[in-house]
């Protein structure tokens, strides 16, 4: 079972090194950035939320931005983060 820990909203802190992978929106702005930080994977959705995934993919810690709605954070978790975590655990993930 995956544990989600939701923290209080904060601003996204600057990260000293570039992401190891990024995806972009059609206008060229970053949509999702991947970082390795302290043995965890950080999935950063700029202006929305940071999701920290433990190495064993058992726990996800979310720090939403101050402007992100709970619906947005829930959508990001279920549609972006959870499938990646399940895949990391070796489970097949399909989108219908």
Protein backbone atom coordinates (compact mmCIF):
# COMPACT_ATOMS: atom_id res chain seq x y z
CA UNK A 1 0.00 0.00 0.00
CA UNK A 2 1.25 3.47 -0.88
CA UNK A 3 1.31 6.11 1.85
CA UNK A 4 0.68 9.76 0.93
CA UNK A 5 1.78 12.40 3.41
CA UNK A 6 0.35 15.82 2.67
CA UNK A 7 2.23 18.75 4.18
CA UNK A 8 1.24 22.36 4.65
CA UNK A 9 1.49 24.54 1.54
CA UNK A 10 4.78 26.36 1.05
CA UNK A 11 6.61 28.06 -1.75
CA UNK A 12 8.78 25.84 -3.93
CA UNK A 13 12.40 26.16 -2.84
CA UNK A 14 15.15 26.67 -5.39
CA UNK A 15 17.18 23.57 -6.23
CA UNK A 16 20.90 24.01 -6.85
CA UNK A 17 21.28 21.47 -9.65
CA UNK A 18 19.28 20.99 -12.84
CA UNK A 19 16.65 18.25 -13.11
CA UNK A 20 17.75 14.94 -14.61
CA UNK A 21 14.60 14.91 -16.76
CA UNK A 22 11.86 17.39 -17.72
CA UNK A 23 8.66 17.41 -19.71
CA UNK A 24 7.23 20.55 -21.27
CA UNK A 25 3.90 22.10 -22.12
CA UNK A 26 3.11 23.13 -25.70
CA UNK A 27 4.23 26.70 -24.96
CA UNK A 28 7.69 25.43 -23.93
CA UNK A 29 7.30 25.99 -20.19
CA UNK A 30 8.25 23.10 -17.88
CA UNK A 31 5.40 20.86 -16.78
CA UNK A 32 7.23 18.23 -14.72
CA UNK A 33 10.82 18.17 -13.47
CA UNK A 34 12.58 15.14 -11.95
CA UNK A 35 15.33 15.53 -9.34
CA UNK A 36 17.31 13.16 -7.10
CA UNK A 37 17.45 14.60 -3.58
CA UNK A 38 18.62 12.82 -0.42
CA UNK A 39 17.87 9.32 -1.74
CA UNK A 40 14.43 10.31 -2.98
CA UNK A 41 12.98 11.29 -6.33
CA UNK A 42 11.37 14.72 -6.41
CA UNK A 43 8.64 15.26 -8.97
CA UNK A 44 8.17 19.00 -9.24
CA UNK A 45 5.17 20.49 -10.97
CA UNK A 46 6.24 24.16 -11.14
CA UNK A 47 3.74 26.46 -9.40
CA UNK A 48 1.64 23.49 -8.21
CA UNK A 49 3.34 20.92 -5.98
CA UNK A 50 6.43 18.91 -5.08
CA UNK A 51 6.05 15.15 -4.63
CA UNK A 52 8.92 13.32 -2.89
CA UNK A 53 8.98 9.56 -3.55
CA UNK A 54 11.04 7.32 -1.28
CA UNK A 55 13.56 4.95 -2.87
CA UNK A 56 11.36 1.93 -2.04
CA UNK A 57 8.35 3.74 -3.56
CA UNK A 58 6.32 3.09 -0.41
CA UNK A 59 5.81 6.69 0.68
CA UNK A 60 5.01 9.86 -1.24
CA UNK A 61 5.28 13.19 0.56
CA UNK A 62 3.51 16.14 -1.07
CA UNK A 63 4.22 19.80 -0.48
CA UNK A 64 1.68 21.83 -2.47
CA UNK A 65 2.32 25.42 -3.47
CA UNK A 66 0.38 28.12 -1.68
CA UNK A 67 -1.83 28.69 -4.74
CA UNK A 68 -2.58 25.05 -5.67
CA UNK A 69 -6.10 23.84 -4.96
CA UNK A 70 -6.70 20.50 -3.25
CA UNK A 71 -8.42 19.28 -6.44
CA UNK A 72 -5.31 20.09 -8.47
CA UNK A 73 -3.00 18.32 -6.02
CA UNK A 74 -5.29 15.27 -5.96
CA UNK A 75 -5.41 15.21 -9.77
CA UNK A 76 -1.61 15.43 -10.04
CA UNK A 77 -1.20 12.60 -7.55
CA UNK A 78 -3.70 10.22 -9.14
CA UNK A 79 -2.90 10.95 -12.79
CA UNK A 80 0.83 11.65 -12.76
CA UNK A 81 2.55 10.51 -9.55
CA UNK A 82 0.73 7.29 -8.58
CA UNK A 83 1.22 5.64 -12.02
CA UNK A 84 4.96 6.37 -11.87
CA UNK A 85 5.20 4.98 -8.34
CA UNK A 86 3.29 1.82 -9.29
CA UNK A 87 5.53 1.37 -12.31
CA UNK A 88 8.61 1.78 -10.09
CA UNK A 89 7.24 -1.08 -7.99
CA UNK A 90 7.10 -3.25 -11.12
CA UNK A 91 3.35 -3.11 -11.54
CA UNK A 92 1.86 -2.61 -15.02
CA UNK A 93 -0.02 0.66 -15.41
CA UNK A 94 -2.59 1.27 -18.11
CA UNK A 95 -4.53 4.41 -18.95
CA UNK A 96 -8.00 3.93 -20.36
